[in-house]
C-alpha atoms as a PDB file:
ATOM      1  CA  MET A   1     167.431  13.269  65.714  1.00  0.00           C
ATOM      2  CA  LYS A   2     167.240  17.029  66.357  1.00  0.00           C
ATOM      3  CA  ARG A   3     164.221  18.402  68.161  1.00  0.00           C
ATOM      4  CA  PRO A   4     162.229  21.016  66.207  1.00  0.00           C
ATOM      5  CA  LEU A   5     162.885  24.590  67.269  1.00  0.00           C
ATOM      6  CA  LYS A   6     160.072  26.336  69.086  1.00  0.00           C
ATOM      7  CA  LEU A   7     157.942  28.620  66.948  1.00  0.00           C
ATOM      8  CA  ALA A   8     158.522  31.581  69.295  1.00  0.00           C
ATOM      9  CA  ILE A   9     162.170  31.727  68.221  1.00  0.00           C
ATOM     10  CA  PHE A  10     161.117  32.789  64.740  1.00  0.00           C
ATOM     11  CA  LEU A  11     158.564  35.364  65.843  1.00  0.00           C
ATOM     12  CA  CYS A  12     159.501  39.010  66.138  1.00  0.00           C
ATOM     13  CA  PRO A  13     158.122  40.672  69.318  1.00  0.00           C
ATOM     14  CA  ALA A  14     155.140  42.256  67.557  1.00  0.00           C
ATOM     15  CA  LEU A  15     154.119  38.993  65.901  1.00  0.00           C
ATOM     16  CA  LEU A  16     154.518  37.185  69.204  1.00  0.00           C
ATOM     17  CA  PHE A  17     152.139  39.661  70.890  1.00  0.00           C
ATOM     18  CA  CYS A  18     149.557  39.086  68.176  1.00  0.00           C
ATOM     19  CA  PHE A  19     149.983  35.318  68.332  1.00  0.00           C
ATOM     20  CA  LEU A  20     149.424  35.302  72.106  1.00  0.00           C
ATOM     21  CA  ALA A  21     146.485  37.692  71.870  1.00  0.00           C
ATOM     22  CA  CYS A  22     144.795  35.586  69.205  1.00  0.00           C
ATOM     23  CA  GLN A  23     145.304  32.511  71.364  1.00  0.00           C
ATOM     24  CA  ASN A  24     143.519  34.351  74.180  1.00  0.00           C
ATOM     25  CA  ALA A  25     140.579  35.111  71.925  1.00  0.00           C
ATOM     26  CA  ALA A  26     140.447  31.508  70.737  1.00  0.00           C
ATOM     27  CA  ASP A  27     139.866  30.465  74.336  1.00  0.00           C
ATOM     28  CA  ARG A  28     136.402  31.983  74.098  1.00  0.00           C
ATOM     29  CA  GLY A  29     135.366  29.601  71.302  1.00  0.00           C
ATOM     30  CA  ASN A  30     134.895  30.612  67.711  1.00  0.00           C
ATOM     31  CA  GLU A  31     131.097  30.650  67.710  1.00  0.00           C
ATOM     32  CA  GLU A  32     130.805  32.873  70.753  1.00  0.00           C
ATOM     33  CA  SER A  33     133.505  35.212  69.432  1.00  0.00           C
ATOM     34  CA  GLN A  34     131.774  35.550  66.075  1.00  0.00           C
ATOM     35  CA  ALA A  35     128.488  36.312  67.811  1.00  0.00           C
ATOM     36  CA  VAL A  36     130.126  39.159  69.741  1.00  0.00           C
ATOM     37  CA  LEU A  37     131.867  40.523  66.635  1.00  0.00           C
ATOM     38  CA  GLY A  38     128.556  40.502  64.776  1.00  0.00           C
ATOM     39  CA  ARG A  39     126.696  42.641  67.314  1.00  0.00           C
ATOM     40  CA  PRO A  40     125.122  45.916  66.204  1.00  0.00           C
ATOM     41  CA  GLY A  41     127.644  48.701  66.590  1.00  0.00           C
ATOM     42  CA  VAL A  42     130.636  46.537  65.745  1.00  0.00           C
ATOM     43  CA  ALA A  43     129.429  44.423  62.828  1.00  0.00           C
ATOM     44  CA  ALA A  44     130.332  47.145  60.317  1.00  0.00           C
ATOM     45  CA  LEU A  45     133.896  47.252  61.646  1.00  0.00           C
ATOM     46  CA  THR A  46     134.117  43.459  61.441  1.00  0.00           C
ATOM     47  CA  ASP A  47     132.986  43.606  57.829  1.00  0.00           C
ATOM     48  CA  SER A  48     135.544  46.333  57.040  1.00  0.00           C
ATOM     49  CA  ILE A  49     138.300  44.234  58.611  1.00  0.00           C
ATOM     50  CA  ARG A  50     137.379  41.326  56.319  1.00  0.00           C
ATOM     51  CA  ARG A  51     137.745  43.625  53.319  1.00  0.00           C
ATOM     52  CA  PHE A  52     140.832  45.499  54.531  1.00  0.00           C
ATOM     53  CA  PRO A  53     142.739  43.081  56.804  1.00  0.00           C
ATOM     54  CA  GLY A  54     145.908  45.151  56.722  1.00  0.00           C
ATOM     55  CA  GLU A  55     144.365  48.359  58.098  1.00  0.00           C
ATOM     56  CA  ALA A  56     145.603  48.845  61.685  1.00  0.00           C
ATOM     57  CA  SER A  57     143.094  51.571  62.555  1.00  0.00           C
ATOM     58  CA  LEU A  58     140.156  49.227  61.995  1.00  0.00           C
ATOM     59  CA  TYR A  59     141.500  46.724  64.507  1.00  0.00           C
ATOM     60  CA  PHE A  60     142.194  49.511  66.970  1.00  0.00           C
ATOM     61  CA  ARG A  61     138.675  50.928  66.662  1.00  0.00           C
ATOM     62  CA  ARG A  62     137.138  47.493  67.120  1.00  0.00           C
ATOM     63  CA  ALA A  63     139.399  46.818  70.111  1.00  0.00           C
ATOM     64  CA  GLU A  64     138.188  50.055  71.707  1.00  0.00           C
ATOM     65  CA  TRP A  65     134.563  49.020  71.156  1.00  0.00           C
ATOM     66  CA  LEU A  66     135.197  45.555  72.584  1.00  0.00           C
ATOM     67  CA  ALA A  67     137.001  46.986  75.614  1.00  0.00           C
ATOM     68  CA  GLN A  68     134.044  49.277  76.334  1.00  0.00           C
ATOM     69  CA  ALA A  69     131.701  46.294  75.896  1.00  0.00           C
ATOM     70  CA  SER A  70     133.601  44.374  78.616  1.00  0.00           C
ATOM     71  CA  GLU A  71     135.130  41.923  76.147  1.00  0.00           C
ATOM     72  CA  PRO A  72     138.824  42.240  77.099  1.00  0.00           C
ATOM     73  CA  LEU A  73     139.905  38.895  75.620  1.00  0.00           C
ATOM     74  CA  LEU A  74     138.601  39.762  72.175  1.00  0.00           C
ATOM     75  CA  ALA A  75     139.878  43.325  72.514  1.00  0.00           C
ATOM     76  CA  SER A  76     143.331  41.932  73.273  1.00  0.00           C
ATOM     77  CA  ALA A  77     143.436  40.099  69.941  1.00  0.00           C
ATOM     78  CA  ASP A  78     142.558  43.292  68.068  1.00  0.00           C
ATOM     79  CA  TYR A  79     144.990  45.477  70.009  1.00  0.00           C
ATOM     80  CA  GLY A  80     147.660  42.884  69.271  1.00  0.00           C
ATOM     81  CA  ARG A  81     146.901  42.904  65.541  1.00  0.00           C
ATOM     82  CA  SER A  82     146.843  46.710  65.456  1.00  0.00           C
ATOM     83  CA  TRP A  83     150.200  46.819  67.265  1.00  0.00           C
ATOM     84  CA  GLU A  84     151.651  44.325  64.800  1.00  0.00           C
ATOM     85  CA  LEU A  85     150.522  46.369  61.801  1.00  0.00           C
ATOM     86  CA  LYS A  86     151.253  49.828  63.199  1.00  0.00           C
ATOM     87  CA  PRO A  87     152.977  49.945  66.611  1.00  0.00           C
ATOM     88  CA  ASP A  88     152.168  53.499  67.676  1.00  0.00           C
ATOM     89  CA  GLN A  89     152.077  54.940  71.178  1.00  0.00           C
ATOM     90  CA  GLN A  90     148.309  55.173  71.528  1.00  0.00           C
ATOM     91  CA  THR A  91     147.907  51.502  70.658  1.00  0.00           C
ATOM     92  CA  GLY A  92     150.693  50.579  73.048  1.00  0.00           C
ATOM     93  CA  TYR A  93     149.046  52.388  75.960  1.00  0.00           C
ATOM     94  CA  ARG A  94     145.635  50.868  75.321  1.00  0.00           C
ATOM     95  CA  PHE A  95     147.020  47.371  74.725  1.00  0.00           C
ATOM     96  CA  ALA A  96     149.031  47.558  77.958  1.00  0.00           C
ATOM     97  CA  ALA A  97     145.956  48.692  79.911  1.00  0.00           C
ATOM     98  CA  ASN A  98     143.900  45.852  78.459  1.00  0.00           C
ATOM     99  CA  LEU A  99     146.544  43.278  79.362  1.00  0.00           C
ATOM    100  CA  SER A 100     146.537  44.624  82.919  1.00  0.00           C
ATOM    101  CA  ILE A 101     142.772  44.025  83.130  1.00  0.00           C
ATOM    102  CA  LEU A 102     143.341  40.456  81.956  1.00  0.00           C
ATOM    103  CA  GLY A 103     146.153  39.932  84.453  1.00  0.00           C
ATOM    104  CA  ARG A 104     148.550  38.994  81.628  1.00  0.00           C
ATOM    105  CA  GLN A 105     151.628  40.395  83.336  1.00  0.00           C
ATOM    106  CA  ARG A 106     154.235  38.486  81.330  1.00  0.00           C
ATOM    107  CA  GLN A 107     152.672  39.478  78.043  1.00  0.00           C
ATOM    108  CA  ARG A 108     152.392  43.064  79.294  1.00  0.00           C
ATOM    109  CA  ILE A 109     156.103  43.090  80.153  1.00  0.00           C
ATOM    110  CA  ARG A 110     156.971  41.839  76.656  1.00  0.00           C
ATOM    111  CA  LEU A 111     154.794  44.518  75.096  1.00  0.00           C
ATOM    112  CA  LEU A 112     156.232  47.310  77.238  1.00  0.00           C
ATOM    113  CA  ARG A 113     159.811  46.218  76.622  1.00  0.00           C
ATOM    114  CA  ASP A 114     159.108  46.384  72.899  1.00  0.00           C
ATOM    115  CA  ALA A 115     157.447  49.793  73.329  1.00  0.00           C
ATOM    116  CA  VAL A 116     160.433  51.124  75.305  1.00  0.00           C
ATOM    117  CA  ASN A 117     162.762  49.991  72.524  1.00  0.00           C
ATOM    118  CA  ARG A 118     160.580  51.582  69.837  1.00  0.00           C
ATOM    119  CA  PHE A 119     159.955  54.827  71.719  1.00  0.00           C
ATOM    120  CA  PRO A 120     163.004  55.368  73.962  1.00  0.00           C
ATOM    121  CA  SER A 121     162.087  58.989  74.720  1.00  0.00           C
ATOM    122  CA  ASP A 122     158.615  58.062  76.006  1.00  0.00           C
ATOM    123  CA  MET A 123     158.988  58.001  79.780  1.00  0.00           C
ATOM    124  CA  GLU A 124     155.444  56.738  80.334  1.00  0.00           C
ATOM    125  CA  PHE A 125     156.243  53.391  78.720  1.00  0.00           C
ATOM    126  CA  LYS A 126     159.264  53.110  81.023  1.00  0.00           C
ATOM    127  CA  ARG A 127     157.155  53.987  84.043  1.00  0.00           C
ATOM    128  CA  LEU A 128     154.511  51.415  83.122  1.00  0.00           C
ATOM    129  CA  LEU A 129     157.192  48.794  82.588  1.00  0.00           C
ATOM    130  CA  GLY A 130     158.691  49.605  85.979  1.00  0.00           C
ATOM    131  CA  GLU A 131     155.281  49.346  87.633  1.00  0.00           C
ATOM    132  CA  THR A 132     154.635  45.954  85.996  1.00  0.00           C
ATOM    133  CA  LEU A 133     158.086  44.620  86.866  1.00  0.00           C
ATOM    134  CA  ALA A 134     157.609  45.643  90.501  1.00  0.00           C
ATOM    135  CA  GLN A 135     154.244  43.890  90.620  1.00  0.00           C
ATOM    136  CA  SER A 136     155.789  40.784  89.019  1.00  0.00           C
ATOM    137  CA  GLY A 137     158.595  40.377  91.532  1.00  0.00           C
ATOM    138  CA  HIS A 138     161.431  42.240  89.795  1.00  0.00           C
ATOM    139  CA  PRO A 139     161.956  45.276  92.071  1.00  0.00           C
ATOM    140  CA  ALA A 140     165.642  45.863  91.259  1.00  0.00           C
ATOM    141  CA  GLU A 141     164.960  46.175  87.531  1.00  0.00           C
ATOM    142  CA  ALA A 142     161.970  48.404  88.231  1.00  0.00           C
ATOM    143  CA  LEU A 143     164.058  50.708  90.423  1.00  0.00           C
ATOM    144  CA  GLN A 144     166.666  51.027  87.691  1.00  0.00           C
ATOM    145  CA  LEU A 145     163.990  52.084  85.208  1.00  0.00           C
ATOM    146  CA  TYR A 146     162.669  54.715  87.626  1.00  0.00           C
ATOM    147  CA  LYS A 147     166.227  55.908  88.189  1.00  0.00           C
ATOM    148  CA  ASP A 148     166.625  56.370  84.427  1.00  0.00           C
ATOM    149  CA  ILE A 149     163.348  58.292  84.264  1.00  0.00           C
ATOM    150  CA  LEU A 150     164.291  60.592  87.142  1.00  0.00           C
ATOM    151  CA  ALA A 151     167.739  61.212  85.663  1.00  0.00           C
ATOM    152  CA  ARG A 152     165.951  62.772  82.692  1.00  0.00           C
ATOM    153  CA  ASP A 153     163.111  64.373  84.611  1.00  0.00           C
ATOM    154  CA  SER A 154     163.470  64.799  88.372  1.00  0.00           C
ATOM    155  CA  SER A 155     159.941  66.252  88.540  1.00  0.00           C
ATOM    156  CA  ASN A 156     158.256  62.957  87.580  1.00  0.00           C
ATOM    157  CA  ALA A 157     156.114  62.510  90.684  1.00  0.00           C
ATOM    158  CA  GLU A 158     154.811  59.080  89.722  1.00  0.00           C
ATOM    159  CA  ALA A 159     158.342  57.707  89.305  1.00  0.00           C
ATOM    160  CA  TRP A 160     159.261  59.001  92.781  1.00  0.00           C
ATOM    161  CA  TYR A 161     156.052  57.523  94.203  1.00  0.00           C
ATOM    162  CA  GLU A 162     156.507  54.086  92.593  1.00  0.00           C
ATOM    163  CA  SER A 163     160.144  54.023  93.752  1.00  0.00           C
ATOM    164  CA  GLY A 164     158.974  54.779  97.272  1.00  0.00           C
ATOM    165  CA  LEU A 165     156.516  51.878  97.223  1.00  0.00           C
ATOM    166  CA  ILE A 166     159.267  49.482  96.150  1.00  0.00           C
ATOM    167  CA  TRP A 167     161.558  50.653  98.966  1.00  0.00           C
ATOM    168  CA  GLU A 168     158.634  50.333 101.378  1.00  0.00           C
ATOM    169  CA  GLN A 169     158.086  46.712 100.334  1.00  0.00           C
ATOM    170  CA  ALA A 170     161.813  46.131 100.806  1.00  0.00           C
ATOM    171  CA  ARG A 171     161.450  47.524 104.369  1.00  0.00           C
ATOM    172  CA  ASP A 172     163.897  50.333 103.666  1.00  0.00           C
ATOM    173  CA  THR A 173     161.828  52.978 105.419  1.00  0.00           C
ATOM    174  CA  LEU A 174     164.287  55.844 105.063  1.00  0.00           C
ATOM    175  CA  SER A 175     164.639  55.377 101.284  1.00  0.00           C
ATOM    176  CA  ALA A 176     160.876  55.029 100.972  1.00  0.00           C
ATOM    177  CA  ILE A 177     160.294  58.252 102.927  1.00  0.00           C
ATOM    178  CA  ARG A 178     162.868  60.102 100.822  1.00  0.00           C
ATOM    179  CA  CYS A 179     161.173  59.077  97.556  1.00  0.00           C
ATOM    180  CA  LEU A 180     157.624  59.682  98.760  1.00  0.00           C
ATOM    181  CA  ALA A 181     158.572  63.078 100.165  1.00  0.00           C
ATOM    182  CA  ARG A 182     159.937  64.039  96.744  1.00  0.00           C
ATOM    183  CA  ALA A 183     156.752  62.820  95.062  1.00  0.00           C
ATOM    184  CA  PHE A 184     154.628  64.880  97.452  1.00  0.00           C
ATOM    185  CA  SER A 185     156.804  67.988  97.017  1.00  0.00           C
ATOM    186  CA  VAL A 186     156.337  67.774  93.237  1.00  0.00           C
ATOM    187  CA  GLN A 187     152.634  66.909  93.337  1.00  0.00           C
ATOM    188  CA  PRO A 188     150.948  67.439  96.737  1.00  0.00           C
ATOM    189  CA  VAL A 189     147.991  65.053  96.305  1.00  0.00           C
ATOM    190  CA  ASN A 190     146.278  63.043  99.037  1.00  0.00           C
ATOM    191  CA  THR A 191     147.518  59.685  97.753  1.00  0.00           C
ATOM    192  CA  TYR A 192     151.133  60.696  98.224  1.00  0.00           C
ATOM    193  CA  ALA A 193     150.444  62.533 101.481  1.00  0.00           C
ATOM    194  CA  LEU A 194     148.738  59.590 103.144  1.00  0.00           C
ATOM    195  CA  GLU A 195     151.308  57.027 101.995  1.00  0.00           C
ATOM    196  CA  LEU A 196     154.059  59.259 103.339  1.00  0.00           C
ATOM    197  CA  ALA A 197     152.164  59.936 106.570  1.00  0.00           C
ATOM    198  CA  GLN A 198     151.710  56.208 107.122  1.00  0.00           C
ATOM    199  CA  LEU A 199     155.474  55.700 106.900  1.00  0.00           C
ATOM    200  CA  TYR A 200     156.092  58.616 109.268  1.00  0.00           C
ATOM    201  CA  ALA A 201     153.627  57.090 111.731  1.00  0.00           C
ATOM    202  CA  GLU A 202     155.237  53.653 111.550  1.00  0.00           C
ATOM    203  CA  ALA A 203     158.620  55.309 112.164  1.00  0.00           C
ATOM    204  CA  ARG A 204     157.164  57.310 115.109  1.00  0.00           C
ATOM    205  CA  MET A 205     157.913  60.591 113.351  1.00  0.00           C
ATOM    206  CA  PRO A 206     155.604  63.517 114.267  1.00  0.00           C
ATOM    207  CA  GLN A 207     155.540  64.727 110.657  1.00  0.00           C
ATOM    208  CA  ALA A 208     152.716  62.209 110.280  1.00  0.00           C
ATOM    209  CA  LEU A 209     150.391  64.464 112.278  1.00  0.00           C
ATOM    210  CA  LYS A 210     151.091  67.558 110.192  1.00  0.00           C
ATOM    211  CA  LEU A 211     150.432  65.748 106.921  1.00  0.00           C
ATOM    212  CA  CYS A 212     147.221  64.169 108.216  1.00  0.00           C
ATOM    213  CA  ASP A 213     145.932  67.514 109.499  1.00  0.00           C
ATOM    214  CA  GLN A 214     146.623  69.027 106.086  1.00  0.00           C
ATOM    215  CA  VAL A 215     144.569  66.306 104.386  1.00  0.00           C
ATOM    216  CA  ILE A 216     141.754  66.675 106.931  1.00  0.00           C
ATOM    217  CA  ARG A 217     141.557  70.459 106.345  1.00  0.00           C
ATOM    218  CA  GLN A 218     141.169  69.877 102.616  1.00  0.00           C
ATOM    219  CA  ASP A 219     138.475  67.215 103.055  1.00  0.00           C
ATOM    220  CA  SER A 220     135.441  69.466 102.690  1.00  0.00           C
ATOM    221  CA  ALA A 221     133.105  66.469 102.268  1.00  0.00           C
ATOM    222  CA  ARG A 222     134.309  65.015 105.597  1.00  0.00           C
ATOM    223  CA  GLU A 223     134.495  61.518 104.120  1.00  0.00           C
ATOM    224  CA  LEU A 224     138.136  60.462 104.545  1.00  0.00           C
ATOM    225  CA  VAL A 225     139.012  58.046 107.332  1.00  0.00           C
ATOM    226  CA  ASP A 226     142.680  57.344 106.542  1.00  0.00           C
ATOM    227  CA  PRO A 227     144.157  60.511 108.091  1.00  0.00           C
ATOM    228  CA  PHE A 228     142.390  59.791 111.398  1.00  0.00           C
ATOM    229  CA  PHE A 229     143.534  56.171 111.303  1.00  0.00           C
ATOM    230  CA  ILE A 230     147.148  57.176 110.650  1.00  0.00           C
ATOM    231  CA  LYS A 231     147.065  59.651 113.541  1.00  0.00           C
ATOM    232  CA  GLY A 232     145.757  56.858 115.742  1.00  0.00           C
ATOM    233  CA  ILE A 233     148.623  54.609 114.615  1.00  0.00           C
ATOM    234  CA  TYR A 234     151.153  57.357 115.390  1.00  0.00           C
ATOM    235  CA  TYR A 235     149.828  57.881 118.917  1.00  0.00           C
ATOM    236  CA  SER A 236     149.639  54.132 119.523  1.00  0.00           C
ATOM    237  CA  ASN A 237     153.196  53.608 118.262  1.00  0.00           C
ATOM    238  CA  THR A 238     154.445  56.350 120.577  1.00  0.00           C
ATOM    239  CA  GLY A 239     152.705  54.833 123.602  1.00  0.00           C
ATOM    240  CA  GLN A 240     149.895  57.406 123.801  1.00  0.00           C
ATOM    241  CA  TYR A 241     147.214  54.715 123.794  1.00  0.00           C
ATOM    242  CA  ALA A 242     144.324  56.659 125.317  1.00  0.00           C
ATOM    243  CA  ARG A 243     144.794  59.431 122.769  1.00  0.00           C
ATOM    244  CA  SER A 244     144.989  56.947 119.916  1.00  0.00           C
ATOM    245  CA  THR A 245     141.530  55.546 120.699  1.00  0.00           C
ATOM    246  CA  VAL A 246     140.007  58.980 120.067  1.00  0.00           C
ATOM    247  CA  PHE A 247     141.185  58.887 116.463  1.00  0.00           C
ATOM    248  CA  PHE A 248     140.179  55.270 115.919  1.00  0.00           C
ATOM    249  CA  ASP A 249     136.715  56.241 117.162  1.00  0.00           C
ATOM    250  CA  SER A 250     136.718  59.068 114.596  1.00  0.00           C
ATOM    251  CA  CYS A 251     137.386  56.485 111.879  1.00  0.00           C
ATOM    252  CA  ILE A 252     134.547  54.292 113.085  1.00  0.00           C
ATOM    253  CA  ALA A 253     132.171  57.267 113.246  1.00  0.00           C
ATOM    254  CA  ARG A 254     132.820  57.922 109.568  1.00  0.00           C
ATOM    255  CA  ASP A 255     132.924  54.271 108.491  1.00  0.00           C
ATOM    256  CA  TRP A 256     131.510  51.708 110.916  1.00  0.00           C
ATOM    257  CA  LYS A 257     132.784  48.879 108.681  1.00  0.00           C
ATOM    258  CA  PHE A 258     136.446  49.894 109.079  1.00  0.00           C
ATOM    259  CA  THR A 259     137.678  46.629 110.610  1.00  0.00           C
ATOM    260  CA  ASP A 260     141.263  47.758 111.204  1.00  0.00           C
ATOM    261  CA  ALA A 261     140.072  50.710 113.280  1.00  0.00           C
ATOM    262  CA  TYR A 262     138.257  48.350 115.683  1.00  0.00           C
ATOM    263  CA  ILE A 263     141.334  46.110 115.898  1.00  0.00           C
ATOM    264  CA  GLU A 264     143.799  48.949 116.495  1.00  0.00           C
ATOM    265  CA  LYS A 265     141.481  50.527 119.040  1.00  0.00           C
ATOM    266  CA  GLY A 266     141.209  47.180 120.804  1.00  0.00           C
ATOM    267  CA  ILE A 267     144.989  46.761 120.862  1.00  0.00           C
ATOM    268  CA  ALA A 268     145.384  50.228 122.392  1.00  0.00           C
ATOM    269  CA  LEU A 269     142.807  49.374 125.074  1.00  0.00           C
ATOM    270  CA  PHE A 270     144.563  46.059 125.690  1.00  0.00           C
ATOM    271  CA  LYS A 271     147.815  47.945 126.265  1.00  0.00           C
ATOM    272  CA  LEU A 272     145.919  50.072 128.795  1.00  0.00           C
ATOM    273  CA  LYS A 273     144.801  46.800 130.486  1.00  0.00           C
ATOM    274  CA  ASP A 274     141.166  47.654 129.805  1.00  0.00           C
ATOM    275  CA  TYR A 275     140.436  44.115 128.677  1.00  0.00           C
ATOM    276  CA  ASP A 276     136.627  44.287 128.714  1.00  0.00           C
ATOM    277  CA  ARG A 277     136.445  47.319 126.429  1.00  0.00           C
ATOM    278  CA  ALA A 278     139.174  45.853 124.256  1.00  0.00           C
ATOM    279  CA  LEU A 279     137.197  42.627 123.897  1.00  0.00           C
ATOM    280  CA  ARG A 280     134.098  44.548 122.806  1.00  0.00           C
ATOM    281  CA  SER A 281     136.155  46.243 120.100  1.00  0.00           C
ATOM    282  CA  PHE A 282     137.568  42.922 118.848  1.00  0.00           C
ATOM    283  CA  ARG A 283     134.082  41.405 118.843  1.00  0.00           C
ATOM    284  CA  MET A 284     132.862  44.280 116.688  1.00  0.00           C
ATOM    285  CA  ALA A 285     135.791  43.719 114.329  1.00  0.00           C
ATOM    286  CA  SER A 286     134.861  40.042 113.939  1.00  0.00           C
ATOM    287  CA  GLN A 287     131.212  40.958 113.331  1.00  0.00           C
ATOM    288  CA  VAL A 288     132.146  43.450 110.633  1.00  0.00           C
ATOM    289  CA  THR A 289     134.630  41.032 109.036  1.00  0.00           C
ATOM    290  CA  ASN A 290     134.341  37.445 110.240  1.00  0.00           C
ATOM    291  CA  THR A 291     137.440  36.438 108.235  1.00  0.00           C
ATOM    292  CA  SER A 292     139.918  38.548 110.226  1.00  0.00           C
ATOM    293  CA  PRO A 293     142.333  36.263 112.130  1.00  0.00           C
ATOM    294  CA  ASP A 294     143.673  39.252 114.089  1.00  0.00           C
ATOM    295  CA  ALA A 295     140.249  39.991 115.560  1.00  0.00           C
ATOM    296  CA  TYR A 296     139.939  36.452 116.943  1.00  0.00           C
ATOM    297  CA  TYR A 297     143.554  36.333 118.131  1.00  0.00           C
ATOM    298  CA  TRP A 298     143.243  39.532 120.136  1.00  0.00           C
ATOM    299  CA  ALA A 299     139.853  38.495 121.503  1.00  0.00           C
ATOM    300  CA  GLY A 300     141.623  35.354 122.695  1.00  0.00           C
ATOM    301  CA  ARG A 301     144.259  37.490 124.400  1.00  0.00           C
ATOM    302  CA  CYS A 302     141.541  39.370 126.281  1.00  0.00           C
ATOM    303  CA  TYR A 303     139.862  36.139 127.404  1.00  0.00           C
ATOM    304  CA  GLU A 304     143.234  34.784 128.465  1.00  0.00           C
ATOM    305  CA  MET A 305     143.994  37.882 130.556  1.00  0.00           C
ATOM    306  CA  ASN A 306     140.569  37.447 132.201  1.00  0.00           C
ATOM    307  CA  HIS A 307     141.451  33.782 132.954  1.00  0.00           C
ATOM    308  CA  GLN A 308     138.749  32.453 130.628  1.00  0.00           C
ATOM    309  CA  THR A 309     140.946  29.823 129.034  1.00  0.00           C
ATOM    310  CA  GLU A 310     138.231  27.881 127.171  1.00  0.00           C
ATOM    311  CA  GLU A 311     137.011  31.010 125.366  1.00  0.00           C
ATOM    312  CA  ALA A 312     140.615  32.030 124.714  1.00  0.00           C
ATOM    313  CA  ALA A 313     141.420  28.654 123.142  1.00  0.00           C
ATOM    314  CA  LEU A 314     138.313  28.810 120.974  1.00  0.00           C
ATOM    315  CA  ASN A 315     139.307  32.204 119.583  1.00  0.00           C
ATOM    316  CA  TYR A 316     142.922  31.143 118.972  1.00  0.00           C
ATOM    317  CA  GLU A 317     141.588  28.130 117.054  1.00  0.00           C
ATOM    318  CA  ARG A 318     139.402  30.412 114.942  1.00  0.00           C
ATOM    319  CA  ALA A 319     142.401  32.622 114.181  1.00  0.00           C
ATOM    320  CA  LEU A 320     144.412  29.564 113.097  1.00  0.00           C
ATOM    321  CA  ALA A 321     141.545  28.268 110.982  1.00  0.00           C
ATOM    322  CA  LEU A 322     141.709  31.535 109.029  1.00  0.00           C
ATOM    323  CA  ASP A 323     145.521  31.708 108.953  1.00  0.00           C
ATOM    324  CA  LYS A 324     147.324  28.415 109.524  1.00  0.00           C
ATOM    325  CA  ASP A 325     150.688  30.256 109.580  1.00  0.00           C
ATOM    326  CA  PHE A 326     149.676  32.562 112.457  1.00  0.00           C
ATOM    327  CA  ALA A 327     152.609  31.696 114.730  1.00  0.00           C
ATOM    328  CA  GLN A 328     151.488  33.898 117.645  1.00  0.00           C
ATOM    329  CA  ALA A 329     148.051  32.284 117.690  1.00  0.00           C
ATOM    330  CA  ARG A 330     149.578  28.803 117.596  1.00  0.00           C
ATOM    331  CA  GLU A 331     151.884  29.606 120.497  1.00  0.00           C
ATOM    332  CA  ALA A 332     149.004  31.145 122.475  1.00  0.00           C
ATOM    333  CA  LEU A 333     146.870  28.054 121.902  1.00  0.00           C
ATOM    334  CA  ARG A 334     149.649  25.824 123.227  1.00  0.00           C
ATOM    335  CA  ARG A 335     149.975  28.135 126.218  1.00  0.00           C
ATOM    336  CA  VAL A 336     146.314  28.051 127.272  1.00  0.00           C
ATOM    337  CA  LYS A 337     145.979  24.303 126.672  1.00  0.00           C
ATOM    338  CA  GLY A 338     149.007  23.632 128.833  1.00  0.00           C
END
């Protein structure tokens, strides 16, 4: 006996989106959904939809209202129906954004693939698809999409930036720097500058300092901490530990809850063999964020260097309790316990 074919085989992409969106809305329960759709401000739209169920604009308008009312599941059903009836670009953008809020990455990919096919000249749909594919573990396909975008428009800063992030995740620092530098040259915004500066700092390239100083000069409100942190990382990576602590202190002065600044400062002091001051910095890090395994691990290192093995073991155990895969902490615990 033949098994029945799955319903999805018979559904065109638009109908499939609507089917999935309606299923999402059904999860809320019919009574609760109806109560939301009958609220003042949206009840008239609901009534119009009953009378004109084939009018895409009514579903779109109600979806917009529901999205603003923090009802993304119900909004998804209406965006899906609007897209089914009239798949235009505005609906596609809003539906994709709503699916991102819901964390429906697979459904978002299906929608964006359909949108790319319908509107092949719209580079934004391609960029959004690339972004979603990268987030969903498909970096090679995402890079190819960005390559296609840049072949048509080499001034697309976001495509350069997103490509750079993918190369960074792949640990191809040179490719990442090349892409991020292009993004920054096209659109010199702080986001691109700081991401690029971070890569320069990790690669021990002095260009990191110039970029950070540029961002600091433009920070009239004196609120940013990232450029100071990146400068500290650069100096630490190049062995200038005493100088690096100055910039980590600048971070802490602007944001006393910046856990990583305490940790990096402590590591620099540890490298300088100033174990007592390093320990104080790691203790502060663990007070600010008591779920940081690094703070406890490095505190353990300080205790170990001061021959306080019981305290060292206790801190290594805390680090492992927070991160059972912390190999360095496990090895250190074995070391101090003999």
